[in-house]
């Protein structure tokens, strides 16, 4: 015959199991995520083009997410520092990152990093492409792109040109490919995401690459002169500036930027973050921002983005070998 103690013992496992389901550290329900702000690590300094773009994009995404998205800047060589920090963070949906294609396809080929490539992250949403512009100071004797090429031929290895964002990124690839195709040798100097402008204006650099999103204001203000845009098509904000392909150099590589999460992030968080950033990237507000700054609004969802990154990882592996960059 069952007594009151046996009944209690039979009920305990049920209550204990229910307690485990509700205990901290277990997966939360869709209604419970997010319960606090989400951190987005931007692996570049504040004030540059990517920083401004992802602050704006995240301000749109948080409207749908229902919680604040806090931007944390973690600048470092080639962006690898911030990407690594994101990937090594607790995969709970409360730390995600911004990334550009070279950070995850080129950087791991050349440096010992805690990640090896796109397979070590969860891509969420590509928001945009970032066309680059080669520019000089407004009073430079280099009036056109041809003048720049001619000067580089006269002074091989002596024309200092800034690489925005540091070494081994897409602007670096673009400039080295230009060297090969034009038969020139430049003095390539890595700079941060914004300080190359000061170097050009101060005469430390004769020219530099810069994001159109950053440089449009300087070009329109008349402090610098654009020589050519590195992209597959002309930029609306700089419609009178030819792309480098129109000038005889078939270079169409362009940086693209996206949001990602660490592997192991709960599906609930992945789904909600993807939905929020998808809505933001497709919003009229972001389309208007892209048109205003000169970036290209270019959406790709998780599956398309993952496929694109895998393909580009193979492509840039071949390009790095072709360029003769020393791999690790």
C-alpha atoms as a PDB file:
ATOM      1  CA  UNK A   1       0.000   0.000   0.000  1.00  0.00           C
ATOM      2  CA  UNK A   2       1.395   3.421  -0.974  1.00  0.00           C
ATOM      3  CA  UNK A   3       1.835   5.811   1.973  1.00  0.00           C
ATOM      4  CA  UNK A   4       2.211   9.598   1.914  1.00  0.00           C
ATOM      5  CA  UNK A   5       6.019   9.327   1.677  1.00  0.00           C
ATOM      6  CA  UNK A   6       5.936   7.167  -1.441  1.00  0.00           C
ATOM      7  CA  UNK A   7       3.539   9.623  -3.058  1.00  0.00           C
ATOM      8  CA  UNK A   8       5.910  12.494  -2.287  1.00  0.00           C
ATOM      9  CA  UNK A   9       8.858  10.583  -3.716  1.00  0.00           C
ATOM     10  CA  UNK A  10       6.925   9.938  -6.884  1.00  0.00           C
ATOM     11  CA  UNK A  11       6.081  13.613  -7.300  1.00  0.00           C
ATOM     12  CA  UNK A  12       9.597  14.974  -6.552  1.00  0.00           C
ATOM     13  CA  UNK A  13      11.119  13.981  -9.927  1.00  0.00           C
ATOM     14  CA  UNK A  14       8.375  15.866 -11.749  1.00  0.00           C
ATOM     15  CA  UNK A  15       9.012  19.069  -9.787  1.00  0.00           C
ATOM     16  CA  UNK A  16      12.775  18.592 -10.081  1.00  0.00           C
ATOM     17  CA  UNK A  17      12.543  18.163 -13.866  1.00  0.00           C
ATOM     18  CA  UNK A  18      10.385  21.285 -14.131  1.00  0.00           C
ATOM     19  CA  UNK A  19      12.929  23.207 -12.049  1.00  0.00           C
ATOM     20  CA  UNK A  20      15.734  22.174 -14.416  1.00  0.00           C
ATOM     21  CA  UNK A  21      13.808  23.459 -17.408  1.00  0.00           C
ATOM     22  CA  UNK A  22      13.439  26.855 -15.759  1.00  0.00           C
ATOM     23  CA  UNK A  23      16.934  27.035 -14.273  1.00  0.00           C
ATOM     24  CA  UNK A  24      19.405  29.643 -15.583  1.00  0.00           C
ATOM     25  CA  UNK A  25      21.690  28.379 -18.329  1.00  0.00           C
ATOM     26  CA  UNK A  26      19.035  26.297 -20.074  1.00  0.00           C
ATOM     27  CA  UNK A  27      17.723  27.327 -23.507  1.00  0.00           C
ATOM     28  CA  UNK A  28      15.136  30.081 -23.252  1.00  0.00           C
ATOM     29  CA  UNK A  29      11.822  30.174 -25.041  1.00  0.00           C
ATOM     30  CA  UNK A  30      11.246  32.411 -28.035  1.00  0.00           C
ATOM     31  CA  UNK A  31       9.309  34.817 -25.844  1.00  0.00           C
ATOM     32  CA  UNK A  32      12.218  35.188 -23.412  1.00  0.00           C
ATOM     33  CA  UNK A  33      14.967  36.233 -25.860  1.00  0.00           C
ATOM     34  CA  UNK A  34      16.341  38.841 -25.620  1.00  0.00           C
ATOM     35  CA  UNK A  35      16.028  39.816 -21.967  1.00  0.00           C
ATOM     36  CA  UNK A  36      18.872  42.354 -22.010  1.00  0.00           C
ATOM     37  CA  UNK A  37      20.904  44.465 -24.480  1.00  0.00           C
ATOM     38  CA  UNK A  38      22.930  42.740 -27.210  1.00  0.00           C
ATOM     39  CA  UNK A  39      26.548  43.742 -27.836  1.00  0.00           C
ATOM     40  CA  UNK A  40      27.749  44.138 -31.420  1.00  0.00           C
ATOM     41  CA  UNK A  41      31.543  44.145 -31.700  1.00  0.00           C
ATOM     42  CA  UNK A  42      32.817  46.302 -34.575  1.00  0.00           C
ATOM     43  CA  UNK A  43      36.472  45.359 -35.242  1.00  0.00           C
ATOM     44  CA  UNK A  44      37.399  48.880 -36.323  1.00  0.00           C
ATOM     45  CA  UNK A  45      37.832  52.247 -34.668  1.00  0.00           C
ATOM     46  CA  UNK A  46      34.931  54.588 -34.055  1.00  0.00           C
ATOM     47  CA  UNK A  47      34.457  57.232 -36.719  1.00  0.00           C
ATOM     48  CA  UNK A  48      35.194  55.148 -39.813  1.00  0.00           C
ATOM     49  CA  UNK A  49      32.751  54.037 -42.505  1.00  0.00           C
ATOM     50  CA  UNK A  50      31.966  50.548 -41.126  1.00  0.00           C
ATOM     51  CA  UNK A  51      31.428  51.947 -37.638  1.00  0.00           C
ATOM     52  CA  UNK A  52      28.937  54.528 -38.892  1.00  0.00           C
ATOM     53  CA  UNK A  53      27.155  52.008 -41.120  1.00  0.00           C
ATOM     54  CA  UNK A  54      26.662  49.413 -38.399  1.00  0.00           C
ATOM     55  CA  UNK A  55      25.624  51.943 -35.797  1.00  0.00           C
ATOM     56  CA  UNK A  56      22.895  53.064 -38.155  1.00  0.00           C
ATOM     57  CA  UNK A  57      21.930  49.517 -39.165  1.00  0.00           C
ATOM     58  CA  UNK A  58      21.814  48.349 -35.543  1.00  0.00           C
ATOM     59  CA  UNK A  59      19.647  51.290 -34.504  1.00  0.00           C
ATOM     60  CA  UNK A  60      17.122  49.996 -37.039  1.00  0.00           C
ATOM     61  CA  UNK A  61      17.534  46.348 -36.000  1.00  0.00           C
ATOM     62  CA  UNK A  62      16.916  47.041 -32.323  1.00  0.00           C
ATOM     63  CA  UNK A  63      13.431  48.367 -33.157  1.00  0.00           C
ATOM     64  CA  UNK A  64      12.432  44.843 -34.194  1.00  0.00           C
ATOM     65  CA  UNK A  65      14.600  43.040 -31.644  1.00  0.00           C
ATOM     66  CA  UNK A  66      13.061  44.925 -28.753  1.00  0.00           C
ATOM     67  CA  UNK A  67      16.319  45.561 -26.903  1.00  0.00           C
ATOM     68  CA  UNK A  68      19.213  47.977 -27.260  1.00  0.00           C
ATOM     69  CA  UNK A  69      22.130  46.915 -29.466  1.00  0.00           C
ATOM     70  CA  UNK A  70      25.327  48.318 -27.965  1.00  0.00           C
ATOM     71  CA  UNK A  71      28.259  48.997 -30.324  1.00  0.00           C
ATOM     72  CA  UNK A  72      31.668  48.024 -28.954  1.00  0.00           C
ATOM     73  CA  UNK A  73      34.707  49.067 -31.023  1.00  0.00           C
ATOM     74  CA  UNK A  74      37.662  46.665 -30.975  1.00  0.00           C
ATOM     75  CA  UNK A  75      40.160  47.961 -33.568  1.00  0.00           C
ATOM     76  CA  UNK A  76      43.147  45.798 -34.408  1.00  0.00           C
ATOM     77  CA  UNK A  77      45.307  44.745 -37.374  1.00  0.00           C
ATOM     78  CA  UNK A  78      43.096  43.741 -40.267  1.00  0.00           C
ATOM     79  CA  UNK A  79      40.041  43.514 -38.009  1.00  0.00           C
ATOM     80  CA  UNK A  80      41.071  40.097 -36.686  1.00  0.00           C
ATOM     81  CA  UNK A  81      41.123  41.208 -33.039  1.00  0.00           C
ATOM     82  CA  UNK A  82      37.436  42.078 -32.900  1.00  0.00           C
ATOM     83  CA  UNK A  83      36.355  39.074 -34.955  1.00  0.00           C
ATOM     84  CA  UNK A  84      38.309  36.734 -32.671  1.00  0.00           C
ATOM     85  CA  UNK A  85      36.808  38.330 -29.555  1.00  0.00           C
ATOM     86  CA  UNK A  86      33.316  37.781 -30.919  1.00  0.00           C
ATOM     87  CA  UNK A  87      33.964  34.156 -31.817  1.00  0.00           C
ATOM     88  CA  UNK A  88      35.505  33.415 -28.419  1.00  0.00           C
ATOM     89  CA  UNK A  89      32.669  35.041 -26.485  1.00  0.00           C
ATOM     90  CA  UNK A  90      29.919  33.090 -24.735  1.00  0.00           C
ATOM     91  CA  UNK A  91      27.530  31.865 -27.471  1.00  0.00           C
ATOM     92  CA  UNK A  92      24.364  32.999 -25.713  1.00  0.00           C
ATOM     93  CA  UNK A  93      23.022  35.445 -28.307  1.00  0.00           C
ATOM     94  CA  UNK A  94      24.169  38.529 -26.411  1.00  0.00           C
ATOM     95  CA  UNK A  95      27.492  39.052 -28.232  1.00  0.00           C
ATOM     96  CA  UNK A  96      27.568  39.218 -32.020  1.00  0.00           C
ATOM     97  CA  UNK A  97      29.956  40.880 -34.444  1.00  0.00           C
ATOM     98  CA  UNK A  98      30.380  42.881 -37.598  1.00  0.00           C
ATOM     99  CA  UNK A  99      32.786  41.447 -40.179  1.00  0.00           C
ATOM    100  CA  UNK A 100      34.136  42.299 -43.625  1.00  0.00           C
ATOM    101  CA  UNK A 101      34.938  39.560 -46.124  1.00  0.00           C
ATOM    102  CA  UNK A 102      38.749  39.791 -45.912  1.00  0.00           C
ATOM    103  CA  UNK A 103      38.743  39.397 -42.130  1.00  0.00           C
ATOM    104  CA  UNK A 104      37.496  35.841 -42.436  1.00  0.00           C
ATOM    105  CA  UNK A 105      38.816  34.782 -45.857  1.00  0.00           C
ATOM    106  CA  UNK A 106      42.271  36.420 -46.166  1.00  0.00           C
ATOM    107  CA  UNK A 107      43.469  37.170 -42.622  1.00  0.00           C
ATOM    108  CA  UNK A 108      43.389  33.494 -41.465  1.00  0.00           C
ATOM    109  CA  UNK A 109      45.661  32.540 -44.378  1.00  0.00           C
ATOM    110  CA  UNK A 110      48.394  34.916 -43.217  1.00  0.00           C
ATOM    111  CA  UNK A 111      48.148  34.977 -39.421  1.00  0.00           C
ATOM    112  CA  UNK A 112      47.797  32.500 -36.570  1.00  0.00           C
ATOM    113  CA  UNK A 113      44.265  33.246 -35.422  1.00  0.00           C
ATOM    114  CA  UNK A 114      41.789  31.419 -33.195  1.00  0.00           C
ATOM    115  CA  UNK A 115      39.581  30.961 -36.252  1.00  0.00           C
ATOM    116  CA  UNK A 116      40.378  29.431 -39.633  1.00  0.00           C
ATOM    117  CA  UNK A 117      37.655  30.725 -41.908  1.00  0.00           C
ATOM    118  CA  UNK A 118      33.915  31.151 -42.501  1.00  0.00           C
ATOM    119  CA  UNK A 119      33.196  27.668 -41.143  1.00  0.00           C
ATOM    120  CA  UNK A 120      34.081  28.909 -37.642  1.00  0.00           C
ATOM    121  CA  UNK A 121      31.230  31.439 -37.491  1.00  0.00           C
ATOM    122  CA  UNK A 122      27.484  31.658 -38.018  1.00  0.00           C
ATOM    123  CA  UNK A 123      26.841  34.227 -40.786  1.00  0.00           C
ATOM    124  CA  UNK A 124      23.554  36.070 -40.254  1.00  0.00           C
ATOM    125  CA  UNK A 125      22.969  38.950 -42.678  1.00  0.00           C
ATOM    126  CA  UNK A 126      25.012  40.783 -45.306  1.00  0.00           C
ATOM    127  CA  UNK A 127      23.884  44.390 -45.376  1.00  0.00           C
ATOM    128  CA  UNK A 128      26.115  46.196 -47.819  1.00  0.00           C
ATOM    129  CA  UNK A 129      29.108  46.457 -50.101  1.00  0.00           C
ATOM    130  CA  UNK A 130      31.661  49.193 -49.507  1.00  0.00           C
ATOM    131  CA  UNK A 131      33.139  50.688 -52.712  1.00  0.00           C
ATOM    132  CA  UNK A 132      36.580  52.216 -52.336  1.00  0.00           C
ATOM    133  CA  UNK A 133      37.959  55.379 -53.896  1.00  0.00           C
ATOM    134  CA  UNK A 134      41.563  56.302 -54.692  1.00  0.00           C
ATOM    135  CA  UNK A 135      42.045  59.963 -53.832  1.00  0.00           C
ATOM    136  CA  UNK A 136      44.694  62.704 -53.491  1.00  0.00           C
ATOM    137  CA  UNK A 137      44.827  66.107 -51.814  1.00  0.00           C
ATOM    138  CA  UNK A 138      42.867  68.752 -53.706  1.00  0.00           C
ATOM    139  CA  UNK A 139      46.001  70.715 -54.693  1.00  0.00           C
ATOM    140  CA  UNK A 140      47.952  67.624 -55.772  1.00  0.00           C
ATOM    141  CA  UNK A 141      49.603  67.843 -59.195  1.00  0.00           C
ATOM    142  CA  UNK A 142      47.984  64.454 -59.905  1.00  0.00           C
ATOM    143  CA  UNK A 143      44.825  65.642 -61.646  1.00  0.00           C
ATOM    144  CA  UNK A 144      43.610  62.304 -63.006  1.00  0.00           C
ATOM    145  CA  UNK A 145      44.099  58.579 -62.582  1.00  0.00           C
ATOM    146  CA  UNK A 146      46.489  58.500 -65.558  1.00  0.00           C
ATOM    147  CA  UNK A 147      48.697  61.064 -63.803  1.00  0.00           C
ATOM    148  CA  UNK A 148      48.856  58.774 -60.795  1.00  0.00           C
ATOM    149  CA  UNK A 149      49.936  55.794 -62.938  1.00  0.00           C
ATOM    150  CA  UNK A 150      52.498  57.908 -64.815  1.00  0.00           C
ATOM    151  CA  UNK A 151      53.960  59.219 -61.533  1.00  0.00           C
ATOM    152  CA  UNK A 152      54.242  55.687 -60.162  1.00  0.00           C
ATOM    153  CA  UNK A 153      56.132  54.639 -63.300  1.00  0.00           C
ATOM    154  CA  UNK A 154      58.530  57.584 -62.965  1.00  0.00           C
ATOM    155  CA  UNK A 155      59.207  56.852 -59.283  1.00  0.00           C
ATOM    156  CA  UNK A 156      58.893  53.104 -58.776  1.00  0.00           C
ATOM    157  CA  UNK A 157      58.327  52.194 -55.136  1.00  0.00           C
ATOM    158  CA  UNK A 158      58.457  55.842 -54.021  1.00  0.00           C
ATOM    159  CA  UNK A 159      54.833  57.023 -54.186  1.00  0.00           C
ATOM    160  CA  UNK A 160      53.336  56.470 -50.701  1.00  0.00           C
ATOM    161  CA  UNK A 161      49.744  55.259 -50.888  1.00  0.00           C
ATOM    162  CA  UNK A 162      47.592  54.489 -47.852  1.00  0.00           C
ATOM    163  CA  UNK A 163      45.818  51.151 -47.407  1.00  0.00           C
ATOM    164  CA  UNK A 164      42.680  51.828 -45.396  1.00  0.00           C
ATOM    165  CA  UNK A 165      42.103  49.322 -42.595  1.00  0.00           C
ATOM    166  CA  UNK A 166      45.621  47.856 -42.571  1.00  0.00           C
ATOM    167  CA  UNK A 167      47.358  45.145 -44.562  1.00  0.00           C
ATOM    168  CA  UNK A 168      45.839  42.081 -46.213  1.00  0.00           C
ATOM    169  CA  UNK A 169      42.341  43.312 -46.856  1.00  0.00           C
ATOM    170  CA  UNK A 170      40.375  44.016 -50.047  1.00  0.00           C
ATOM    171  CA  UNK A 171      41.844  47.536 -50.593  1.00  0.00           C
ATOM    172  CA  UNK A 172      45.303  45.941 -50.291  1.00  0.00           C
ATOM    173  CA  UNK A 173      44.292  43.297 -52.850  1.00  0.00           C
ATOM    174  CA  UNK A 174      42.933  46.025 -55.135  1.00  0.00           C
ATOM    175  CA  UNK A 175      46.161  48.056 -55.028  1.00  0.00           C
ATOM    176  CA  UNK A 176      48.474  45.075 -55.515  1.00  0.00           C
ATOM    177  CA  UNK A 177      46.351  43.915 -58.458  1.00  0.00           C
ATOM    178  CA  UNK A 178      46.638  47.451 -59.871  1.00  0.00           C
ATOM    179  CA  UNK A 179      50.419  47.240 -59.507  1.00  0.00           C
ATOM    180  CA  UNK A 180      50.479  43.995 -61.485  1.00  0.00           C
ATOM    181  CA  UNK A 181      48.085  45.138 -64.202  1.00  0.00           C
ATOM    182  CA  UNK A 182      49.632  48.605 -64.639  1.00  0.00           C
ATOM    183  CA  UNK A 183      53.256  47.478 -64.316  1.00  0.00           C
ATOM    184  CA  UNK A 184      53.965  49.834 -61.420  1.00  0.00           C
ATOM    185  CA  UNK A 185      55.358  49.591 -57.894  1.00  0.00           C
ATOM    186  CA  UNK A 186      53.849  51.669 -55.080  1.00  0.00           C
ATOM    187  CA  UNK A 187      54.967  52.314 -51.516  1.00  0.00           C
ATOM    188  CA  UNK A 188      51.918  50.835 -49.757  1.00  0.00           C
ATOM    189  CA  UNK A 189      51.398  52.030 -46.178  1.00  0.00           C
ATOM    190  CA  UNK A 190      48.714  50.579 -43.858  1.00  0.00           C
ATOM    191  CA  UNK A 191      46.458  53.064 -42.076  1.00  0.00           C
ATOM    192  CA  UNK A 192      43.428  52.913 -39.808  1.00  0.00           C
ATOM    193  CA  UNK A 193      39.871  53.283 -40.992  1.00  0.00           C
ATOM    194  CA  UNK A 194      39.867  57.090 -40.726  1.00  0.00           C
ATOM    195  CA  UNK A 195      43.385  58.487 -40.119  1.00  0.00           C
ATOM    196  CA  UNK A 196      44.522  58.131 -43.745  1.00  0.00           C
ATOM    197  CA  UNK A 197      42.645  61.355 -44.538  1.00  0.00           C
ATOM    198  CA  UNK A 198      44.814  63.352 -42.134  1.00  0.00           C
ATOM    199  CA  UNK A 199      47.931  61.762 -43.628  1.00  0.00           C
ATOM    200  CA  UNK A 200      46.948  62.803 -47.154  1.00  0.00           C
ATOM    201  CA  UNK A 201      46.002  66.333 -46.119  1.00  0.00           C
ATOM    202  CA  UNK A 202      49.256  66.645 -44.181  1.00  0.00           C
ATOM    203  CA  UNK A 203      51.398  65.407 -47.081  1.00  0.00           C
ATOM    204  CA  UNK A 204      52.567  62.162 -45.445  1.00  0.00           C
ATOM    205  CA  UNK A 205      50.757  60.234 -48.158  1.00  0.00           C
ATOM    206  CA  UNK A 206      50.498  61.267 -51.799  1.00  0.00           C
ATOM    207  CA  UNK A 207      47.332  59.216 -52.244  1.00  0.00           C
ATOM    208  CA  UNK A 208      45.185  56.771 -50.359  1.00  0.00           C
ATOM    209  CA  UNK A 209      42.331  54.356 -50.672  1.00  0.00           C
ATOM    210  CA  UNK A 210      39.261  55.179 -48.593  1.00  0.00           C
ATOM    211  CA  UNK A 211      35.680  54.069 -48.274  1.00  0.00           C
ATOM    212  CA  UNK A 212      33.355  56.131 -50.426  1.00  0.00           C
ATOM    213  CA  UNK A 213      31.092  56.369 -47.357  1.00  0.00           C
ATOM    214  CA  UNK A 214      33.839  58.283 -45.549  1.00  0.00           C
ATOM    215  CA  UNK A 215      35.372  60.173 -48.446  1.00  0.00           C
ATOM    216  CA  UNK A 216      32.265  61.612 -50.147  1.00  0.00           C
ATOM    217  CA  UNK A 217      32.046  64.483 -47.659  1.00  0.00           C
ATOM    218  CA  UNK A 218      35.725  65.365 -48.160  1.00  0.00           C
ATOM    219  CA  UNK A 219      35.428  65.161 -51.937  1.00  0.00           C
ATOM    220  CA  UNK A 220      32.315  67.347 -52.007  1.00  0.00           C
ATOM    221  CA  UNK A 221      33.957  69.807 -49.606  1.00  0.00           C
ATOM    222  CA  UNK A 222      36.834  70.192 -52.057  1.00  0.00           C
ATOM    223  CA  UNK A 223      39.614  69.140 -49.673  1.00  0.00           C
ATOM    224  CA  UNK A 224      40.508  66.015 -51.660  1.00  0.00           C
ATOM    225  CA  UNK A 225      40.184  64.894 -55.282  1.00  0.00           C
ATOM    226  CA  UNK A 226      38.854  61.479 -56.311  1.00  0.00           C
ATOM    227  CA  UNK A 227      40.816  59.731 -59.073  1.00  0.00           C
ATOM    228  CA  UNK A 228      38.899  56.486 -59.469  1.00  0.00           C
ATOM    229  CA  UNK A 229      36.380  54.252 -57.694  1.00  0.00           C
ATOM    230  CA  UNK A 230      37.133  50.570 -57.181  1.00  0.00           C
ATOM    231  CA  UNK A 231      33.789  48.828 -57.679  1.00  0.00           C
ATOM    232  CA  UNK A 232      31.794  46.986 -60.319  1.00  0.00           C
ATOM    233  CA  UNK A 233      29.656  50.041 -61.112  1.00  0.00           C
ATOM    234  CA  UNK A 234      29.667  53.779 -60.569  1.00  0.00           C
ATOM    235  CA  UNK A 235      28.553  55.219 -57.256  1.00  0.00           C
ATOM    236  CA  UNK A 236      25.535  57.535 -57.379  1.00  0.00           C
ATOM    237  CA  UNK A 237      27.137  60.047 -55.030  1.00  0.00           C
ATOM    238  CA  UNK A 238      30.259  60.187 -57.229  1.00  0.00           C
ATOM    239  CA  UNK A 239      28.634  59.565 -60.584  1.00  0.00           C
ATOM    240  CA  UNK A 240      31.247  61.606 -62.467  1.00  0.00           C
ATOM    241  CA  UNK A 241      34.166  59.558 -61.097  1.00  0.00           C
ATOM    242  CA  UNK A 242      35.076  56.593 -63.346  1.00  0.00           C
ATOM    243  CA  UNK A 243      35.481  53.120 -61.955  1.00  0.00           C
ATOM    244  CA  UNK A 244      38.917  51.624 -62.441  1.00  0.00           C
ATOM    245  CA  UNK A 245      37.612  49.050 -64.946  1.00  0.00           C
ATOM    246  CA  UNK A 246      36.508  51.877 -67.249  1.00  0.00           C
ATOM    247  CA  UNK A 247      40.105  53.093 -67.197  1.00  0.00           C
ATOM    248  CA  UNK A 248      41.446  49.793 -68.472  1.00  0.00           C
ATOM    249  CA  UNK A 249      42.091  47.812 -65.282  1.00  0.00           C
ATOM    250  CA  UNK A 250      39.712  44.927 -64.675  1.00  0.00           C
ATOM    251  CA  UNK A 251      39.562  45.041 -60.877  1.00  0.00           C
ATOM    252  CA  UNK A 252      36.040  44.530 -59.526  1.00  0.00           C
ATOM    253  CA  UNK A 253      36.723  43.111 -56.046  1.00  0.00           C
ATOM    254  CA  UNK A 254      34.734  44.990 -53.443  1.00  0.00           C
ATOM    255  CA  UNK A 255      34.553  44.617 -49.654  1.00  0.00           C
ATOM    256  CA  UNK A 256      31.215  43.426 -48.320  1.00  0.00           C
ATOM    257  CA  UNK A 257      30.134  43.600 -44.698  1.00  0.00           C
ATOM    258  CA  UNK A 258      27.870  41.462 -42.558  1.00  0.00           C
ATOM    259  CA  UNK A 259      26.717  40.461 -39.085  1.00  0.00           C
ATOM    260  CA  UNK A 260      27.666  37.106 -37.559  1.00  0.00           C
ATOM    261  CA  UNK A 261      27.374  35.137 -34.324  1.00  0.00           C
ATOM    262  CA  UNK A 262      29.639  32.625 -32.534  1.00  0.00           C
ATOM    263  CA  UNK A 263      29.050  28.960 -33.257  1.00  0.00           C
ATOM    264  CA  UNK A 264      26.804  27.376 -30.651  1.00  0.00           C
ATOM    265  CA  UNK A 265      24.499  30.386 -30.366  1.00  0.00           C
ATOM    266  CA  UNK A 266      20.945  29.134 -29.659  1.00  0.00           C
ATOM    267  CA  UNK A 267      18.653  28.869 -32.669  1.00  0.00           C
ATOM    268  CA  UNK A 268      16.107  31.137 -30.975  1.00  0.00           C
ATOM    269  CA  UNK A 269      18.687  33.925 -30.827  1.00  0.00           C
ATOM    270  CA  UNK A 270      19.943  33.261 -34.363  1.00  0.00           C
ATOM    271  CA  UNK A 271      16.409  33.449 -35.756  1.00  0.00           C
ATOM    272  CA  UNK A 272      15.517  36.653 -33.912  1.00  0.00           C
ATOM    273  CA  UNK A 273      18.788  38.393 -34.732  1.00  0.00           C
ATOM    274  CA  UNK A 274      18.549  37.366 -38.387  1.00  0.00           C
ATOM    275  CA  UNK A 275      14.977  38.633 -38.610  1.00  0.00           C
ATOM    276  CA  UNK A 276      15.875  41.958 -36.971  1.00  0.00           C
ATOM    277  CA  UNK A 277      18.915  42.646 -39.167  1.00  0.00           C
ATOM    278  CA  UNK A 278      17.089  41.455 -42.285  1.00  0.00           C
ATOM    279  CA  UNK A 279      14.306  43.945 -41.630  1.00  0.00           C
ATOM    280  CA  UNK A 280      16.889  46.656 -40.954  1.00  0.00           C
ATOM    281  CA  UNK A 281      18.926  45.939 -44.099  1.00  0.00           C
ATOM    282  CA  UNK A 282      15.798  45.991 -46.254  1.00  0.00           C
ATOM    283  CA  UNK A 283      14.316  49.083 -44.623  1.00  0.00           C
ATOM    284  CA  UNK A 284      13.799  52.278 -46.587  1.00  0.00           C
ATOM    285  CA  UNK A 285      15.794  54.055 -43.890  1.00  0.00           C
ATOM    286  CA  UNK A 286      18.876  51.945 -44.667  1.00  0.00           C
ATOM    287  CA  UNK A 287      18.354  52.264 -48.442  1.00  0.00           C
ATOM    288  CA  UNK A 288      18.293  56.039 -48.040  1.00  0.00           C
ATOM    289  CA  UNK A 289      21.401  55.902 -45.841  1.00  0.00           C
ATOM    290  CA  UNK A 290      23.224  53.835 -48.469  1.00  0.00           C
ATOM    291  CA  UNK A 291      22.316  56.287 -51.218  1.00  0.00           C
ATOM    292  CA  UNK A 292      23.388  59.229 -49.073  1.00  0.00           C
ATOM    293  CA  UNK A 293      26.778  57.808 -48.108  1.00  0.00           C
ATOM    294  CA  UNK A 294      27.718  55.943 -51.281  1.00  0.00           C
ATOM    295  CA  UNK A 295      27.745  52.380 -49.978  1.00  0.00           C
ATOM    296  CA  UNK A 296      25.788  49.775 -51.929  1.00  0.00           C
ATOM    297  CA  UNK A 297      22.840  48.267 -50.036  1.00  0.00           C
ATOM    298  CA  UNK A 298      23.354  44.576 -50.841  1.00  0.00           C
ATOM    299  CA  UNK A 299      21.347  42.046 -48.867  1.00  0.00           C
ATOM    300  CA  UNK A 300      22.129  38.348 -48.420  1.00  0.00           C
ATOM    301  CA  UNK A 301      20.511  36.021 -45.892  1.00  0.00           C
ATOM    302  CA  UNK A 302      22.270  33.310 -43.856  1.00  0.00           C
ATOM    303  CA  UNK A 303      22.320  30.530 -46.471  1.00  0.00           C
ATOM    304  CA  UNK A 304      23.323  32.728 -49.401  1.00  0.00           C
ATOM    305  CA  UNK A 305      25.932  34.529 -47.299  1.00  0.00           C
ATOM    306  CA  UNK A 306      27.477  31.286 -46.016  1.00  0.00           C
ATOM    307  CA  UNK A 307      27.735  29.946 -49.575  1.00  0.00           C
ATOM    308  CA  UNK A 308      29.267  33.215 -50.775  1.00  0.00           C
ATOM    309  CA  UNK A 309      31.860  33.236 -47.993  1.00  0.00           C
ATOM    310  CA  UNK A 310      32.900  29.634 -48.694  1.00  0.00           C
ATOM    311  CA  UNK A 311      33.375  30.438 -52.379  1.00  0.00           C
ATOM    312  CA  UNK A 312      35.343  33.615 -51.625  1.00  0.00           C
ATOM    313  CA  UNK A 313      37.551  31.768 -49.132  1.00  0.00           C
ATOM    314  CA  UNK A 314      38.690  29.499 -51.964  1.00  0.00           C
ATOM    315  CA  UNK A 315      39.004  32.376 -54.408  1.00  0.00           C
ATOM    316  CA  UNK A 316      41.135  34.531 -52.118  1.00  0.00           C
ATOM    317  CA  UNK A 317      43.297  31.588 -51.216  1.00  0.00           C
ATOM    318  CA  UNK A 318      44.240  31.395 -54.901  1.00  0.00           C
ATOM    319  CA  UNK A 319      44.689  35.177 -55.144  1.00  0.00           C
ATOM    320  CA  UNK A 320      46.975  35.278 -52.095  1.00  0.00           C
ATOM    321  CA  UNK A 321      49.130  32.619 -53.730  1.00  0.00           C
ATOM    322  CA  UNK A 322      49.121  34.544 -57.028  1.00  0.00           C
ATOM    323  CA  UNK A 323      50.170  37.756 -55.287  1.00  0.00           C
ATOM    324  CA  UNK A 324      52.997  35.948 -53.527  1.00  0.00           C
ATOM    325  CA  UNK A 325      51.933  36.885 -50.024  1.00  0.00           C
ATOM    326  CA  UNK A 326      53.636  34.699 -47.454  1.00  0.00           C
ATOM    327  CA  UNK A 327      51.128  32.401 -45.819  1.00  0.00           C
ATOM    328  CA  UNK A 328      51.551  31.124 -42.301  1.00  0.00           C
END
